[in-house]
């Protein structure tokens, strides 16, 4: 309340001294007031900074509650067959277990569906589109995109379906007021974005060891793997460092966002040249040859659940280790097998490409024990509280 009073006093005094500023500053006051009254409790894990939130969509529990229901609602697809959660499953760390996302027409997305854990800290969304700067903007792609079609929305039928449900009248009233008039395309996106920002993951065994001073949270093998991960031989930490295990992040303790795209030698230049433009990474947006094969390094949080790995899902476990194919196998078995393939790729130095980040993507050798230890450490990034949190679960 004191902040509101102070802002109002400043606003009034400024316009007594300079009345010409009134119109241009009114919008800024509204933004400041909206930001100041947000009382959302992030409940952040130890060591986590506060996320940055767009001024036109301040966080509130009411928006998060609304967004959660929308996220799981198949009414947000043209044929009511798919929800956002269809490609972002909580049990898989909000990824989907497939090489490529699949929309309502069965058409495959050109890239792997990323985990949404800690999406609040990403200054750029998706694998390789620098224009996707907020969750509010990015949500238009799955909702209305035509190449490929994902949710396939093309008219206002979905709004009519939402407005016809009394539960949404109540939820939109709490979040924005004025429902059903506040049930708009924009507010649907704002609700979805708020829910996705609430998907904070940071209570894995690795977090307990690193940020919570629980020395027994990791066993001897996992601690050795932690040292390999952060050592100068494998150098995993260069692209997957910090509290969110990625080199691209933004939060309130930074003076500027950190955004990096890398070519990690998954394909050769000839192989990329043969692909459609929408599979060539940052090049799709910039059309600069120097950006071919460059993608944002994803967070490694919950990596034990988010296989297959890489932007093209190219590292998947063998069928003999896949619990969906072979009886008796577990998610852990599949993750171990697939992660060993990832490590082998990096040990090999990757394929030749003029854009490859050769300072980090270069041949090196680990011992068999080091490989095992590194995989064991990576599996400690799984946050069981996150994937079992009822606040993130399907409300239907």
Protein backbone atom coordinates (compact mmCIF):
# COMPACT_ATOMS: atom_id res chain seq x y z
CA UNK A 1 0.00 0.00 0.00
CA UNK A 2 2.85 2.40 0.83
CA UNK A 3 4.30 1.79 -2.63
CA UNK A 4 0.97 2.65 -4.24
CA UNK A 5 0.73 5.89 -2.25
CA UNK A 6 4.31 6.85 -3.10
CA UNK A 7 3.78 6.23 -6.81
CA UNK A 8 0.58 8.29 -6.77
CA UNK A 9 2.32 11.20 -5.01
CA UNK A 10 5.17 11.14 -7.52
CA UNK A 11 2.70 11.02 -10.41
CA UNK A 12 0.63 13.96 -9.14
CA UNK A 13 3.65 16.14 -8.29
CA UNK A 14 5.23 15.53 -11.69
CA UNK A 15 2.10 16.74 -13.46
CA UNK A 16 1.71 19.80 -11.23
CA UNK A 17 5.22 20.79 -12.29
CA UNK A 18 4.83 19.70 -15.92
CA UNK A 19 1.20 19.09 -16.99
CA UNK A 20 2.29 18.31 -20.57
CA UNK A 21 3.69 14.99 -19.37
CA UNK A 22 0.29 13.72 -18.23
CA UNK A 23 -0.75 11.76 -21.30
CA UNK A 24 2.62 10.19 -22.00
CA UNK A 25 3.11 9.09 -18.40
CA UNK A 26 -0.37 7.75 -17.66
CA UNK A 27 0.39 4.40 -19.26
CA UNK A 28 3.66 4.12 -17.31
CA UNK A 29 1.83 4.73 -14.04
CA UNK A 30 -0.65 1.96 -14.85
CA UNK A 31 2.24 -0.42 -15.52
CA UNK A 32 3.99 0.56 -12.28
CA UNK A 33 0.81 0.21 -10.26
CA UNK A 34 0.05 -3.19 -11.77
CA UNK A 35 3.55 -4.40 -10.98
CA UNK A 36 3.45 -3.03 -7.44
CA UNK A 37 0.25 -4.78 -6.40
CA UNK A 38 1.38 -8.23 -7.50
CA UNK A 39 1.50 -10.39 -4.40
CA UNK A 40 2.37 -13.66 -6.09
CA UNK A 41 4.41 -16.02 -3.92
CA UNK A 42 7.06 -17.65 -6.10
CA UNK A 43 8.16 -20.00 -3.31
CA UNK A 44 11.57 -20.19 -4.97
CA UNK A 45 14.08 -22.90 -4.12
CA UNK A 46 17.28 -21.88 -2.29
CA UNK A 47 19.77 -20.22 -4.63
CA UNK A 48 17.14 -19.20 -7.20
CA UNK A 49 16.74 -15.58 -8.35
CA UNK A 50 13.31 -14.07 -9.01
CA UNK A 51 12.16 -14.37 -12.64
CA UNK A 52 11.49 -11.30 -14.75
CA UNK A 53 7.81 -10.87 -15.61
CA UNK A 54 6.41 -8.64 -18.40
CA UNK A 55 4.90 -5.46 -16.95
CA UNK A 56 1.64 -5.97 -18.86
CA UNK A 57 1.06 -9.41 -17.35
CA UNK A 58 2.08 -9.38 -13.67
CA UNK A 59 1.89 -12.70 -11.89
CA UNK A 60 -1.08 -13.60 -9.71
CA UNK A 61 -2.29 -16.87 -8.28
CA UNK A 62 -5.62 -16.32 -10.02
CA UNK A 63 -3.90 -16.20 -13.42
CA UNK A 64 -1.84 -19.27 -12.61
CA UNK A 65 -4.98 -21.19 -11.62
CA UNK A 66 -6.70 -20.11 -14.82
CA UNK A 67 -3.66 -20.95 -16.94
CA UNK A 68 -3.39 -24.40 -15.42
CA UNK A 69 -6.90 -25.32 -16.52
CA UNK A 70 -6.37 -23.82 -19.98
CA UNK A 71 -3.07 -25.71 -20.33
CA UNK A 72 -4.87 -29.03 -19.92
CA UNK A 73 -8.04 -28.11 -21.81
CA UNK A 74 -8.51 -29.76 -25.23
CA UNK A 75 -11.02 -27.05 -26.10
CA UNK A 76 -7.95 -25.03 -27.08
CA UNK A 77 -7.50 -27.12 -30.21
CA UNK A 78 -9.60 -26.90 -33.35
CA UNK A 79 -10.94 -30.46 -33.11
CA UNK A 80 -10.81 -30.70 -29.29
CA UNK A 81 -8.31 -33.57 -29.50
CA UNK A 82 -5.19 -31.93 -28.07
CA UNK A 83 -4.19 -29.64 -25.21
CA UNK A 84 -0.90 -27.87 -24.55
CA UNK A 85 -0.23 -30.70 -22.10
CA UNK A 86 -0.29 -33.16 -24.99
CA UNK A 87 3.25 -32.13 -25.89
CA UNK A 88 4.31 -31.20 -22.35
CA UNK A 89 3.60 -33.99 -19.89
CA UNK A 90 4.28 -33.43 -16.20
CA UNK A 91 5.58 -36.98 -15.69
CA UNK A 92 8.26 -36.28 -18.31
CA UNK A 93 9.30 -32.93 -16.90
CA UNK A 94 6.82 -31.24 -19.27
CA UNK A 95 8.40 -32.74 -22.38
CA UNK A 96 6.69 -35.46 -24.44
CA UNK A 97 9.07 -38.39 -24.99
CA UNK A 98 8.99 -38.08 -28.79
CA UNK A 99 11.64 -36.97 -31.25
CA UNK A 100 9.23 -34.37 -32.66
CA UNK A 101 6.00 -32.89 -31.36
CA UNK A 102 2.83 -33.96 -33.18
CA UNK A 103 -0.11 -31.61 -33.87
CA UNK A 104 -3.79 -32.36 -34.36
CA UNK A 105 -3.32 -33.29 -38.04
CA UNK A 106 -0.56 -35.79 -37.25
CA UNK A 107 2.00 -33.47 -38.81
CA UNK A 108 5.34 -33.53 -37.02
CA UNK A 109 6.90 -30.37 -35.67
CA UNK A 110 10.40 -29.71 -37.09
CA UNK A 111 11.94 -29.82 -33.61
CA UNK A 112 11.76 -31.67 -30.33
CA UNK A 113 9.28 -30.46 -27.70
CA UNK A 114 11.31 -28.80 -24.96
CA UNK A 115 10.73 -29.18 -21.26
CA UNK A 116 8.86 -26.25 -19.72
CA UNK A 117 10.59 -26.49 -16.35
CA UNK A 118 11.99 -23.06 -15.41
CA UNK A 119 10.79 -21.53 -18.67
CA UNK A 120 10.39 -18.33 -16.64
CA UNK A 121 14.16 -17.90 -16.85
CA UNK A 122 14.49 -18.19 -20.64
CA UNK A 123 15.02 -14.83 -22.40
CA UNK A 124 14.39 -16.56 -25.73
CA UNK A 125 11.88 -19.38 -26.18
CA UNK A 126 12.06 -22.38 -28.51
CA UNK A 127 15.22 -23.94 -29.85
CA UNK A 128 16.24 -21.31 -32.35
CA UNK A 129 13.85 -18.38 -32.81
CA UNK A 130 15.20 -15.18 -31.19
CA UNK A 131 11.89 -13.44 -31.88
CA UNK A 132 10.15 -15.58 -29.24
CA UNK A 133 11.01 -13.35 -26.29
CA UNK A 134 8.10 -14.03 -23.94
CA UNK A 135 5.73 -16.87 -23.20
CA UNK A 136 2.87 -14.56 -24.13
CA UNK A 137 4.28 -14.17 -27.65
CA UNK A 138 5.40 -17.78 -28.08
CA UNK A 139 1.97 -19.25 -27.29
CA UNK A 140 0.60 -17.86 -30.55
CA UNK A 141 2.74 -20.36 -32.47
CA UNK A 142 1.14 -23.59 -31.16
CA UNK A 143 -2.28 -21.97 -31.03
CA UNK A 144 -2.45 -20.43 -34.50
CA UNK A 145 0.60 -21.63 -36.44
CA UNK A 146 -0.06 -23.18 -39.85
CA UNK A 147 3.35 -24.63 -40.69
CA UNK A 148 3.16 -26.99 -38.97
CA UNK A 149 -0.35 -27.07 -37.53
CA UNK A 150 -0.28 -27.80 -33.80
CA UNK A 151 -3.51 -26.80 -32.04
CA UNK A 152 -4.96 -25.52 -35.31
CA UNK A 153 -7.03 -22.58 -34.05
CA UNK A 154 -8.24 -20.37 -36.89
CA UNK A 155 -11.48 -18.70 -35.73
CA UNK A 156 -13.25 -17.77 -32.49
CA UNK A 157 -14.97 -21.10 -31.91
CA UNK A 158 -12.57 -21.87 -29.08
CA UNK A 159 -13.55 -18.60 -27.34
CA UNK A 160 -17.21 -19.55 -27.54
CA UNK A 161 -16.41 -22.94 -26.01
CA UNK A 162 -14.54 -21.30 -23.14
CA UNK A 163 -17.25 -18.67 -22.56
CA UNK A 164 -19.93 -21.36 -22.35
CA UNK A 165 -18.38 -22.89 -19.22
CA UNK A 166 -19.30 -21.39 -15.85
CA UNK A 167 -15.97 -22.45 -14.34
CA UNK A 168 -14.18 -20.18 -16.80
CA UNK A 169 -16.49 -17.25 -16.05
CA UNK A 170 -15.39 -17.61 -12.43
CA UNK A 171 -11.69 -18.09 -13.21
CA UNK A 172 -11.46 -15.18 -15.65
CA UNK A 173 -13.31 -12.96 -13.19
CA UNK A 174 -10.75 -13.75 -10.52
CA UNK A 175 -7.82 -13.28 -12.89
CA UNK A 176 -8.92 -10.27 -14.94
CA UNK A 177 -12.43 -9.21 -13.86
CA UNK A 178 -15.31 -8.55 -16.22
CA UNK A 179 -15.92 -12.06 -17.52
CA UNK A 180 -17.22 -13.13 -19.98
CA UNK A 181 -15.99 -9.92 -21.61
CA UNK A 182 -12.48 -10.60 -20.33
CA UNK A 183 -12.40 -14.01 -22.03
CA UNK A 184 -10.23 -12.93 -24.93
CA UNK A 185 -7.44 -14.40 -27.01
CA UNK A 186 -4.93 -12.17 -25.24
CA UNK A 187 -6.06 -13.10 -21.75
CA UNK A 188 -5.98 -16.78 -22.62
CA UNK A 189 -2.34 -16.34 -23.62
CA UNK A 190 -1.65 -14.34 -20.46
CA UNK A 191 -3.14 -17.09 -18.32
CA UNK A 192 -1.16 -19.79 -20.10
CA UNK A 193 2.04 -17.77 -19.73
CA UNK A 194 1.44 -17.25 -16.01
CA UNK A 195 0.97 -20.97 -15.42
CA UNK A 196 4.09 -21.83 -17.38
CA UNK A 197 6.11 -19.29 -15.37
CA UNK A 198 4.97 -21.03 -12.21
CA UNK A 199 6.63 -24.29 -13.31
CA UNK A 200 9.72 -23.81 -11.16
CA UNK A 201 11.91 -26.86 -10.65
CA UNK A 202 14.82 -26.76 -8.23
CA UNK A 203 14.66 -29.44 -5.55
CA UNK A 204 16.60 -32.27 -7.16
CA UNK A 205 19.31 -34.20 -5.32
CA UNK A 206 21.85 -32.02 -7.15
CA UNK A 207 20.15 -28.90 -5.82
CA UNK A 208 20.17 -30.28 -2.30
CA UNK A 209 23.90 -30.97 -2.61
CA UNK A 210 24.82 -27.67 -4.29
CA UNK A 211 22.38 -25.10 -2.90
CA UNK A 212 21.05 -26.64 0.31
CA UNK A 213 24.32 -27.87 1.86
CA UNK A 214 23.12 -31.47 2.12
CA UNK A 215 26.41 -33.29 1.70
CA UNK A 216 24.74 -36.71 1.72
CA UNK A 217 22.30 -35.86 -1.09
CA UNK A 218 24.73 -37.38 -3.63
CA UNK A 219 26.63 -40.66 -3.37
CA UNK A 220 30.31 -41.11 -4.23
CA UNK A 221 29.72 -41.89 -7.90
CA UNK A 222 27.41 -38.91 -8.34
CA UNK A 223 29.91 -36.58 -6.69
CA UNK A 224 32.63 -37.82 -9.03
CA UNK A 225 30.24 -37.21 -11.92
CA UNK A 226 29.63 -33.69 -10.62
CA UNK A 227 33.37 -33.09 -10.87
CA UNK A 228 33.53 -34.50 -14.41
CA UNK A 229 30.60 -32.26 -15.40
CA UNK A 230 32.38 -29.19 -14.04
CA UNK A 231 35.88 -30.24 -15.06
CA UNK A 232 38.08 -29.01 -17.90
CA UNK A 233 38.05 -32.33 -19.79
CA UNK A 234 34.35 -32.70 -20.59
CA UNK A 235 33.55 -29.01 -19.96
CA UNK A 236 29.81 -29.64 -19.81
CA UNK A 237 29.36 -26.62 -17.56
CA UNK A 238 30.29 -24.11 -20.26
CA UNK A 239 26.98 -24.55 -22.08
CA UNK A 240 25.01 -26.05 -19.19
CA UNK A 241 26.14 -24.09 -16.16
CA UNK A 242 24.53 -21.93 -13.52
CA UNK A 243 21.49 -22.63 -11.41
CA UNK A 244 19.44 -23.60 -14.48
CA UNK A 245 22.07 -25.71 -16.28
CA UNK A 246 22.07 -23.58 -19.43
CA UNK A 247 24.08 -20.60 -20.64
CA UNK A 248 20.98 -18.69 -21.76
CA UNK A 249 19.06 -17.06 -18.94
CA UNK A 250 17.46 -13.93 -17.57
CA UNK A 251 16.35 -12.93 -14.09
CA UNK A 252 16.15 -9.93 -11.77
CA UNK A 253 19.74 -10.26 -10.54
CA UNK A 254 21.17 -9.79 -14.04
CA UNK A 255 21.80 -6.43 -15.67
CA UNK A 256 21.21 -7.98 -19.11
CA UNK A 257 19.98 -11.25 -20.60
CA UNK A 258 22.46 -13.91 -21.64
CA UNK A 259 21.57 -15.52 -24.97
CA UNK A 260 23.76 -17.98 -26.87
CA UNK A 261 23.19 -20.31 -29.80
CA UNK A 262 25.56 -23.18 -30.59
CA UNK A 263 26.37 -25.61 -33.37
CA UNK A 264 27.33 -28.76 -31.49
CA UNK A 265 28.28 -30.94 -34.44
CA UNK A 266 25.13 -33.04 -34.63
CA UNK A 267 25.15 -32.86 -38.44
CA UNK A 268 27.71 -31.97 -41.10
CA UNK A 269 27.24 -28.96 -43.37
CA UNK A 270 26.21 -31.21 -46.25
CA UNK A 271 23.57 -32.86 -44.04
CA UNK A 272 22.18 -29.49 -42.92
CA UNK A 273 22.19 -28.23 -46.53
CA UNK A 274 19.93 -31.14 -47.46
CA UNK A 275 17.34 -30.30 -44.79
CA UNK A 276 14.35 -27.96 -45.12
CA UNK A 277 15.11 -24.43 -43.92
CA UNK A 278 12.97 -24.90 -40.80
CA UNK A 279 15.33 -27.62 -39.57
CA UNK A 280 18.56 -25.63 -39.89
CA UNK A 281 18.49 -23.81 -36.59
CA UNK A 282 18.97 -20.06 -36.22
CA UNK A 283 19.54 -19.90 -39.98
CA UNK A 284 15.78 -20.26 -40.48
CA UNK A 285 15.28 -16.78 -39.01
CA UNK A 286 18.43 -14.93 -40.05
CA UNK A 287 19.29 -16.70 -43.35
CA UNK A 288 22.94 -16.14 -42.44
CA UNK A 289 25.17 -19.09 -43.34
CA UNK A 290 27.08 -18.54 -40.10
CA UNK A 291 23.91 -19.44 -38.15
CA UNK A 292 23.30 -22.82 -39.78
CA UNK A 293 23.01 -25.57 -37.19
CA UNK A 294 22.92 -23.21 -34.22
CA UNK A 295 20.43 -23.91 -31.44
CA UNK A 296 19.93 -22.71 -27.88
CA UNK A 297 21.45 -25.01 -25.29
CA UNK A 298 18.49 -26.34 -23.27
CA UNK A 299 18.43 -26.65 -19.52
CA UNK A 300 19.50 -30.10 -18.35
CA UNK A 301 17.05 -30.11 -15.46
CA UNK A 302 15.02 -33.33 -15.35
CA UNK A 303 17.10 -34.68 -18.23
CA UNK A 304 16.57 -38.18 -16.94
CA UNK A 305 12.94 -37.82 -18.08
CA UNK A 306 13.19 -35.72 -21.23
CA UNK A 307 14.67 -38.12 -23.78
CA UNK A 308 15.06 -38.30 -26.74
CA UNK A 309 17.78 -35.65 -26.64
CA UNK A 310 18.81 -32.73 -28.87
CA UNK A 311 16.71 -30.42 -31.03
CA UNK A 312 16.02 -33.27 -33.44
CA UNK A 313 15.53 -36.02 -30.87
CA UNK A 314 18.45 -37.86 -32.46
CA UNK A 315 19.69 -39.52 -29.27
CA UNK A 316 17.17 -42.08 -28.06
CA UNK A 317 17.69 -45.27 -26.15
CA UNK A 318 17.86 -48.60 -27.96
CA UNK A 319 14.59 -50.49 -28.24
CA UNK A 320 15.99 -53.10 -25.87
CA UNK A 321 16.22 -50.40 -23.15
CA UNK A 322 12.95 -48.64 -23.93
CA UNK A 323 10.19 -49.30 -21.36
CA UNK A 324 7.58 -48.55 -24.03
CA UNK A 325 8.92 -51.43 -26.12
CA UNK A 326 10.67 -53.89 -23.84
CA UNK A 327 8.95 -55.36 -20.80
CA UNK A 328 10.79 -54.87 -17.54
CA UNK A 329 12.76 -51.84 -18.64
CA UNK A 330 12.41 -48.50 -16.84
CA UNK A 331 12.65 -44.81 -17.63
CA UNK A 332 16.02 -44.85 -15.91
CA UNK A 333 17.27 -47.67 -18.18
CA UNK A 334 16.31 -45.66 -21.26
CA UNK A 335 17.85 -42.44 -19.93
CA UNK A 336 21.15 -44.15 -19.07
CA UNK A 337 21.39 -45.72 -22.51
CA UNK A 338 20.51 -42.48 -24.34
CA UNK A 339 22.79 -40.32 -22.18
CA UNK A 340 25.71 -42.63 -22.95
CA UNK A 341 25.10 -41.91 -26.64
CA UNK A 342 25.16 -38.16 -25.94
CA UNK A 343 28.44 -38.48 -24.08
CA UNK A 344 29.91 -40.56 -26.91
CA UNK A 345 28.91 -37.84 -29.37
CA UNK A 346 30.73 -35.16 -27.42
CA UNK A 347 33.77 -37.36 -26.83
CA UNK A 348 34.02 -37.82 -30.60
CA UNK A 349 34.07 -34.06 -31.15
CA UNK A 350 30.99 -34.17 -33.37
CA UNK A 351 30.79 -33.90 -37.11
CA UNK A 352 32.70 -31.37 -39.16
CA UNK A 353 30.92 -28.05 -39.71
CA UNK A 354 32.37 -24.54 -40.21
CA UNK A 355 29.97 -23.18 -37.56
CA UNK A 356 30.79 -25.79 -34.93
CA UNK A 357 31.85 -24.30 -31.61
CA UNK A 358 35.24 -26.03 -31.74
CA UNK A 359 36.49 -24.43 -28.53
CA UNK A 360 34.13 -26.73 -26.60
CA UNK A 361 33.01 -29.31 -29.17
CA UNK A 362 36.31 -31.11 -29.64
CA UNK A 363 37.47 -34.70 -29.06
CA UNK A 364 38.30 -35.80 -25.53
CA UNK A 365 38.44 -39.10 -23.68
CA UNK A 366 36.79 -40.19 -20.47
CA UNK A 367 37.44 -43.43 -18.66
CA UNK A 368 34.63 -45.97 -18.40
CA UNK A 369 34.22 -45.03 -14.73
CA UNK A 370 34.01 -41.33 -15.57
CA UNK A 371 31.29 -41.99 -18.13
CA UNK A 372 29.29 -43.97 -15.60
CA UNK A 373 29.78 -41.29 -12.96
CA UNK A 374 28.75 -38.51 -15.33
CA UNK A 375 25.52 -40.30 -16.22
CA UNK A 376 24.82 -40.92 -12.54
CA UNK A 377 25.26 -37.23 -11.82
CA UNK A 378 22.99 -36.16 -14.70
CA UNK A 379 20.25 -38.36 -13.28
CA UNK A 380 20.44 -36.40 -10.01
CA UNK A 381 18.99 -33.41 -11.86
CA UNK A 382 15.55 -35.05 -11.71
CA UNK A 383 13.25 -33.21 -9.33
CA UNK A 384 10.65 -35.70 -8.12
CA UNK A 385 8.77 -32.99 -6.23
CA UNK A 386 8.30 -31.08 -9.48
CA UNK A 387 6.88 -33.96 -11.49
CA UNK A 388 4.55 -34.91 -8.64
CA UNK A 389 3.44 -31.41 -7.64
CA UNK A 390 -0.36 -31.36 -7.62
CA UNK A 391 -0.34 -27.61 -8.33
CA UNK A 392 1.01 -28.44 -11.80
CA UNK A 393 -1.21 -31.44 -12.49
CA UNK A 394 -4.20 -31.99 -14.75
CA UNK A 395 -7.28 -30.45 -13.04
CA UNK A 396 -9.79 -32.39 -15.15
